[in-house]
Amino acid sequence: MTLTVRPVTANDAAELADLLNAVIAAGGTTALQEPFTPEALDAAYLTGPNVHCCFVAEEEDGTLLGFQTLGRYPGLPENVGDIATFARIGGTQRGIGSALFAATTERATELGLNVINATIRGDNSGGLAFYAKQGFVDHDVTPGVPLKDGTPVDRVHKRFVLAAEAPAKRKLSVRFGGDDAPTLQKKGRGWAISESRLDVLHERAREMRRNPSDAQEALADALTRVETGGYSFKRQAVIGSAIVDFACKQLMLVVEIDGDADAAFTAARDKSLTEVGYRVVRIAAAQVLADPTAAAQRVSDAMRDSHTARRAKRSAPRRAAPRSPRNY
């Protein structure tokens, strides 16, 4: 199934109210505890005066799978947007949040915002992990906020820094997103994307390096104990508009730890990486955590294969151009 992200409209309010109210009724994730009417939801989170932007994720058949809203919040500076993400129950492992966040950060940058704040229940491990994966870092905790039944639950405040737009630089890049790879430019090295988008990506990559997932940390540690042939990996490397978990640019090798990415998006991104010469190795996060050494050995084997192929290509005899017959 293809996932489409688009701006919200007031006509989405009824379906999104049903989606959110189901999340609230299930409990355990959102700090919201009272159901919303479509009108109240529209005013508070969709198109109201305090909303910076709101995007929805839509299935091919028109079903709304989730939404992400960014707005003003009392006590936060004007250059800080407050984010909230809600996915239809059962749809949180399909890459919905990541797809929405890409649209939200792009719009937030256009609006001139500098920081995005997220407030998550301390017992919502899935929500905490999602925002950490997007590059959010902890900056405060409000302890013991009581739920409706009196149960005290901490509120964890996370922050994502949006890079300010920098002067234009000469960079080469790759754009991912469509089902088919775009036409290659500049001798197959990449495709053009905006400089402001690149700056945001590099800042986000730096935040992600400072806050790796458990699987990323485990694999990075295990790689120090296997043979890598003197080659090295960069963690959270920017390649075009993608941030990959590990990249060895000498061997043109990318290692990705699979999480909640949408399968169609992953396939399109892998195709684009392949188009510019990268080999992609994917390892499930559960496999890394279960046996980091085996995962690292798999990466080592891939490095050896890439190194062998690279040497073979270099040592292959060049075919001489056919000679024209002499004229006597």
Protein backbone atom coordinates (compact mmCIF):
# COMPACT_ATOMS: atom_id res chain seq x y z
CA MET A 1 0.00 0.00 0.00
CA THR A 2 1.19 3.51 -0.84
CA LEU A 3 1.28 6.09 1.92
CA THR A 4 0.48 9.71 1.01
CA VAL A 5 1.21 12.68 3.25
CA ARG A 6 -0.78 15.88 2.66
CA PRO A 7 -1.92 18.99 4.57
CA VAL A 8 -5.01 18.51 6.69
CA THR A 9 -8.37 20.07 5.79
CA ALA A 10 -11.40 20.83 7.94
CA ASN A 11 -13.19 18.01 6.10
CA ASP A 12 -10.84 15.51 7.79
CA ALA A 13 -12.02 16.49 11.28
CA ALA A 14 -14.73 13.84 11.73
CA GLU A 15 -12.53 10.89 10.74
CA LEU A 16 -9.57 12.18 12.73
CA ALA A 17 -11.75 12.71 15.80
CA ASP A 18 -12.78 9.05 15.62
CA LEU A 19 -9.12 8.04 15.24
CA LEU A 20 -7.95 10.15 18.19
CA ASN A 21 -10.86 9.20 20.44
CA ALA A 22 -10.00 5.51 19.91
CA VAL A 23 -6.42 6.24 21.01
CA ILE A 24 -7.68 8.12 24.08
CA ALA A 25 -10.08 5.30 24.98
CA ALA A 26 -7.31 2.69 24.69
CA GLY A 27 -5.18 4.70 27.16
CA GLY A 28 -1.53 4.34 28.03
CA THR A 29 -0.01 6.57 25.35
CA THR A 30 -1.50 10.05 25.04
CA ALA A 31 -1.75 12.60 27.82
CA LEU A 32 -5.19 13.54 26.43
CA GLN A 33 -8.00 11.96 28.45
CA GLU A 34 -11.23 13.48 27.19
CA PRO A 35 -12.77 12.70 23.77
CA PHE A 36 -13.01 15.39 21.09
CA THR A 37 -15.86 16.48 18.88
CA PRO A 38 -14.81 17.12 15.26
CA GLU A 39 -15.29 20.87 15.82
CA ALA A 40 -13.14 20.92 18.96
CA LEU A 41 -10.40 18.87 17.30
CA ASP A 42 -10.36 21.14 14.26
CA ALA A 43 -9.99 24.25 16.39
CA ALA A 44 -7.34 22.80 18.70
CA TYR A 45 -5.12 20.75 16.38
CA LEU A 46 -6.08 20.92 12.69
CA THR A 47 -6.84 24.36 11.25
CA GLY A 48 -7.33 26.58 14.31
CA PRO A 49 -5.59 29.95 14.83
CA ASN A 50 -2.85 28.47 17.04
CA VAL A 51 -1.90 25.73 14.58
CA HIS A 52 1.30 26.26 12.57
CA CYS A 53 0.69 23.23 10.35
CA CYS A 54 -0.92 19.82 10.38
CA PHE A 55 -0.38 16.88 8.03
CA VAL A 56 -2.28 13.63 7.57
CA ALA A 57 -1.10 10.24 6.32
CA GLU A 58 -3.57 8.73 3.89
CA GLU A 59 -3.98 5.21 2.49
CA GLU A 60 -4.59 4.62 -1.22
CA ASP A 61 -8.29 4.06 -0.52
CA GLY A 62 -8.56 7.41 1.30
CA THR A 63 -8.43 6.02 4.86
CA LEU A 64 -6.62 8.39 7.21
CA LEU A 65 -3.91 6.52 9.10
CA GLY A 66 -2.64 9.29 11.35
CA PHE A 67 -1.91 12.97 11.75
CA GLN A 68 0.79 15.24 13.13
CA THR A 69 0.14 18.76 14.32
CA LEU A 70 2.51 21.61 15.17
CA GLY A 71 1.21 24.62 17.05
CA ARG A 72 1.73 27.33 19.63
CA TYR A 73 1.62 26.36 23.28
CA PRO A 74 1.33 28.59 26.37
CA GLY A 75 4.72 29.26 27.90
CA LEU A 76 6.74 28.38 24.81
CA PRO A 77 8.58 31.11 22.83
CA GLU A 78 7.19 32.16 19.45
CA ASN A 79 10.02 30.40 17.61
CA VAL A 80 9.18 27.05 19.24
CA GLY A 81 6.44 24.81 17.88
CA ASP A 82 4.75 22.12 19.99
CA ILE A 83 4.26 18.79 18.20
CA ALA A 84 1.79 15.96 18.68
CA THR A 85 1.53 12.75 16.63
CA PHE A 86 -1.37 10.30 16.54
CA ALA A 87 -1.62 7.10 14.51
CA ARG A 88 -4.57 4.82 13.99
CA ILE A 89 -4.41 1.89 16.43
CA GLY A 90 -2.54 -0.93 14.72
CA GLY A 91 -0.73 1.37 12.30
CA THR A 92 2.23 2.56 14.36
CA GLN A 93 4.80 0.21 12.74
CA ARG A 94 4.25 1.37 9.15
CA GLY A 95 6.47 4.44 9.12
CA ILE A 96 3.51 6.81 9.46
CA GLY A 97 5.15 9.06 12.06
CA SER A 98 8.45 9.32 10.19
CA ALA A 99 6.70 10.25 6.96
CA LEU A 100 4.65 12.92 8.73
CA PHE A 101 7.70 14.31 10.51
CA ALA A 102 9.54 14.88 7.24
CA ALA A 103 6.68 17.10 6.05
CA THR A 104 6.37 18.85 9.41
CA THR A 105 10.06 19.78 9.65
CA GLU A 106 10.09 21.12 6.12
CA ARG A 107 7.08 23.34 6.81
CA ALA A 108 8.44 24.43 10.21
CA THR A 109 11.65 25.56 8.55
CA GLU A 110 9.68 27.53 5.96
CA LEU A 111 7.77 29.24 8.80
CA GLY A 112 11.03 30.30 10.44
CA LEU A 113 10.69 28.16 13.57
CA ASN A 114 13.92 27.19 15.32
CA VAL A 115 12.87 24.43 17.71
CA ILE A 116 10.17 21.76 17.97
CA ASN A 117 9.04 20.66 21.44
CA ALA A 118 7.46 17.28 22.18
CA THR A 119 5.90 16.37 25.53
CA ILE A 120 5.45 12.63 26.06
CA ARG A 121 4.09 10.57 28.93
CA GLY A 122 6.97 8.98 30.81
CA ASP A 123 5.30 5.55 30.57
CA ASN A 124 4.85 5.78 26.79
CA SER A 125 7.96 3.86 25.72
CA GLY A 126 6.86 3.75 22.08
CA GLY A 127 6.37 7.51 21.90
CA LEU A 128 9.69 8.20 23.61
CA ALA A 129 11.49 5.88 21.19
CA PHE A 130 9.78 7.42 18.15
CA TYR A 131 10.79 10.98 18.98
CA ALA A 132 14.33 9.89 19.90
CA LYS A 133 14.63 8.20 16.52
CA GLN A 134 13.62 11.43 14.79
CA GLY A 135 16.48 13.24 16.56
CA PHE A 136 14.73 14.74 19.61
CA VAL A 137 16.77 15.07 22.81
CA ASP A 138 15.57 15.30 26.41
CA HIS A 139 15.61 18.78 27.92
CA ASP A 140 13.23 18.65 30.89
CA VAL A 141 10.87 16.46 32.94
CA THR A 142 7.68 17.47 34.73
CA PRO A 143 7.37 14.86 37.48
CA GLY A 144 4.21 13.19 38.71
CA VAL A 145 1.47 14.83 36.64
CA PRO A 146 -1.74 13.10 37.81
CA LEU A 147 -3.98 11.31 35.33
CA LYS A 148 -7.77 11.51 35.63
CA ASP A 149 -7.74 8.60 38.08
CA GLY A 150 -5.04 10.25 40.20
CA THR A 151 -2.12 8.11 38.97
CA PRO A 152 1.05 10.27 38.83
CA VAL A 153 2.91 10.03 35.52
CA ASP A 154 5.97 12.05 34.51
CA ARG A 155 5.91 14.23 31.40
CA VAL A 156 9.16 14.06 29.40
CA HIS A 157 9.93 17.14 27.30
CA LYS A 158 12.07 16.53 24.20
CA ARG A 159 13.47 19.10 21.81
CA PHE A 160 14.39 19.01 18.12
CA VAL A 161 16.56 21.84 16.79
CA LEU A 162 15.80 23.13 13.30
CA ALA A 163 18.94 24.50 11.66
CA ALA A 164 18.83 28.10 10.52
CA GLU A 165 19.09 28.59 6.78
CA ALA A 166 22.72 29.05 5.74
CA PRO A 167 24.26 30.75 2.69
CA ALA A 168 24.21 28.63 -0.42
CA LYS A 169 27.08 26.14 -0.77
CA ARG A 170 28.13 23.97 -3.64
CA LYS A 171 26.96 20.48 -2.71
CA LEU A 172 26.03 17.37 -4.58
CA SER A 173 23.03 15.40 -3.42
CA VAL A 174 20.43 12.71 -3.95
CA ARG A 175 16.65 13.05 -3.74
CA PHE A 176 14.62 10.12 -2.52
CA GLY A 177 10.85 9.70 -2.42
CA GLY A 178 9.33 8.56 -5.71
CA ASP A 179 8.84 4.97 -6.76
CA ASP A 180 11.30 5.49 -9.59
CA ALA A 181 14.75 7.00 -9.24
CA PRO A 182 15.09 10.45 -10.83
CA THR A 183 17.34 11.04 -13.82
CA LEU A 184 21.00 10.97 -12.87
CA GLN A 185 23.00 14.16 -13.11
CA LYS A 186 26.69 15.05 -12.77
CA LYS A 187 28.07 11.73 -14.02
CA GLY A 188 25.85 9.62 -11.81
CA ARG A 189 26.97 11.16 -8.53
CA GLY A 190 23.64 12.62 -7.38
CA TRP A 191 20.61 14.84 -7.71
CA ALA A 192 20.01 18.40 -6.52
CA ILE A 193 18.05 19.29 -3.37
CA SER A 194 17.76 22.63 -1.61
CA GLU A 195 20.62 23.87 0.53
CA SER A 196 18.29 24.71 3.42
CA ARG A 197 16.99 21.12 3.39
CA LEU A 198 20.58 19.80 3.46
CA ASP A 199 21.41 21.99 6.44
CA VAL A 200 18.36 20.65 8.32
CA LEU A 201 19.38 17.08 7.49
CA HIS A 202 22.94 17.53 8.73
CA GLU A 203 21.74 19.09 11.99
CA ARG A 204 19.26 16.27 12.45
CA ALA A 205 22.00 13.69 11.77
CA ARG A 206 24.18 15.27 14.47
CA GLU A 207 21.33 15.03 16.98
CA MET A 208 20.75 11.37 16.03
CA ARG A 209 24.45 10.58 16.51
CA ARG A 210 24.21 12.03 20.01
CA ASN A 211 21.14 9.91 20.76
CA PRO A 212 21.54 6.51 19.05
CA SER A 213 19.06 3.67 19.41
CA ASP A 214 20.03 0.63 21.46
CA ALA A 215 20.50 -1.42 18.28
CA GLN A 216 22.71 1.24 16.67
CA GLU A 217 24.86 1.44 19.80
CA ALA A 218 25.15 -2.35 20.00
CA LEU A 219 26.20 -2.72 16.36
CA ALA A 220 28.71 0.13 16.55
CA ASP A 221 30.31 -1.51 19.59
CA ALA A 222 30.36 -4.96 17.96
CA LEU A 223 31.99 -3.59 14.80
CA THR A 224 35.05 -2.66 16.86
CA ARG A 225 35.63 -6.38 17.51
CA VAL A 226 35.44 -7.76 13.94
CA GLU A 227 37.73 -7.45 10.94
CA THR A 228 36.95 -4.35 8.88
CA GLY A 229 40.05 -4.30 6.70
CA GLY A 230 41.05 -0.84 7.84
CA TYR A 231 37.85 0.72 6.52
CA SER A 232 35.56 2.77 8.75
CA PHE A 233 31.89 3.67 8.98
CA LYS A 234 30.27 7.02 9.61
CA ARG A 235 27.20 6.81 11.83
CA GLN A 236 24.01 8.65 10.82
CA ALA A 237 25.52 9.73 7.52
CA VAL A 238 23.67 12.08 5.16
CA ILE A 239 23.46 10.81 1.60
CA GLY A 240 21.27 13.16 -0.39
CA SER A 241 18.04 13.61 1.54
CA ALA A 242 18.46 10.32 3.43
CA ILE A 243 20.10 9.74 6.80
CA VAL A 244 21.50 6.20 6.86
CA ASP A 245 22.53 4.37 10.02
CA PHE A 246 26.08 3.49 8.88
CA ALA A 247 27.94 4.41 5.69
CA CYS A 248 31.38 3.32 4.46
CA LYS A 249 31.93 5.69 1.57
CA GLN A 250 35.26 4.11 0.57
CA LEU A 251 33.45 0.83 -0.16
CA MET A 252 30.14 2.49 -1.15
CA LEU A 253 28.40 0.36 1.49
CA VAL A 254 25.38 1.34 3.60
CA VAL A 255 24.15 -0.60 6.64
CA GLU A 256 20.59 0.05 7.82
CA ILE A 257 19.02 -1.27 11.02
CA ASP A 258 15.40 -1.94 10.18
CA GLY A 259 12.77 -0.35 12.39
CA ASP A 260 9.32 1.02 11.49
CA ALA A 261 10.06 2.32 7.97
CA ASP A 262 7.35 1.90 5.37
CA ALA A 263 8.23 -0.96 2.99
CA ALA A 264 7.47 1.02 -0.18
CA PHE A 265 9.53 3.98 0.99
CA THR A 266 12.40 1.68 1.98
CA ALA A 267 12.40 0.00 -1.44
CA ALA A 268 12.41 3.35 -3.24
CA ARG A 269 15.23 4.66 -1.09
CA ASP A 270 17.31 1.51 -1.58
CA LYS A 271 16.81 1.82 -5.32
CA SER A 272 18.04 5.42 -5.26
CA LEU A 273 21.11 4.45 -3.22
CA THR A 274 21.85 1.64 -5.65
CA GLU A 275 21.53 4.06 -8.58
CA VAL A 276 24.47 6.09 -7.23
CA GLY A 277 26.58 3.01 -6.56
CA TYR A 278 25.84 2.09 -2.93
CA ARG A 279 25.22 -1.45 -1.76
CA VAL A 280 22.61 -1.60 1.04
CA VAL A 281 22.73 -4.21 3.80
CA ARG A 282 19.67 -4.35 6.06
CA ILE A 283 19.64 -6.03 9.47
CA ALA A 284 16.60 -6.21 11.75
CA ALA A 285 16.99 -4.35 15.05
CA ALA A 286 15.83 -7.47 16.93
CA GLN A 287 18.64 -9.51 15.33
CA VAL A 288 21.23 -6.90 16.30
CA LEU A 289 20.07 -6.82 19.91
CA ALA A 290 19.84 -10.61 20.13
CA ASP A 291 23.36 -11.24 18.74
CA PRO A 292 25.41 -8.10 18.02
CA THR A 293 28.52 -10.13 17.15
CA ALA A 294 26.70 -12.10 14.43
CA ALA A 295 25.28 -8.86 13.02
CA ALA A 296 28.74 -7.29 12.97
CA GLN A 297 30.19 -10.37 11.26
CA ARG A 298 27.54 -10.06 8.57
CA VAL A 299 28.65 -6.48 8.00
CA SER A 300 32.30 -7.61 7.94
CA ASP A 301 31.48 -10.23 5.29
CA ALA A 302 29.73 -7.58 3.18
CA MET A 303 32.77 -5.31 3.51
CA ARG A 304 35.05 -8.13 2.38
CA ASP A 305 32.83 -8.79 -0.65
CA SER A 306 32.77 -5.10 -1.56
CA HIS A 307 36.55 -4.84 -1.13
CA THR A 308 37.12 -7.90 -3.35
CA ALA A 309 34.80 -6.53 -6.03
CA ARG A 310 36.55 -3.18 -5.86
CA ARG A 311 40.00 -4.75 -6.35
CA ALA A 312 38.76 -6.94 -9.18
CA LYS A 313 37.34 -3.92 -10.96
CA ARG A 314 40.59 -2.02 -10.59
CA SER A 315 42.75 -4.91 -11.80
CA ALA A 316 40.53 -5.88 -14.74
CA PRO A 317 42.41 -5.34 -18.03
CA ARG A 318 41.12 -2.48 -20.07
CA ARG A 319 39.80 -3.48 -23.44
CA ALA A 320 41.68 -1.73 -26.18
CA ALA A 321 39.65 0.16 -28.73
CA PRO A 322 39.45 -1.69 -32.08
CA ARG A 323 41.99 -0.47 -34.57
CA SER A 324 40.92 0.91 -37.89
CA PRO A 325 42.38 -0.94 -40.87
CA ARG A 326 45.33 0.76 -42.48
CA ASN A 327 44.95 2.27 -45.83
CA TYR A 328 47.86 1.57 -48.17
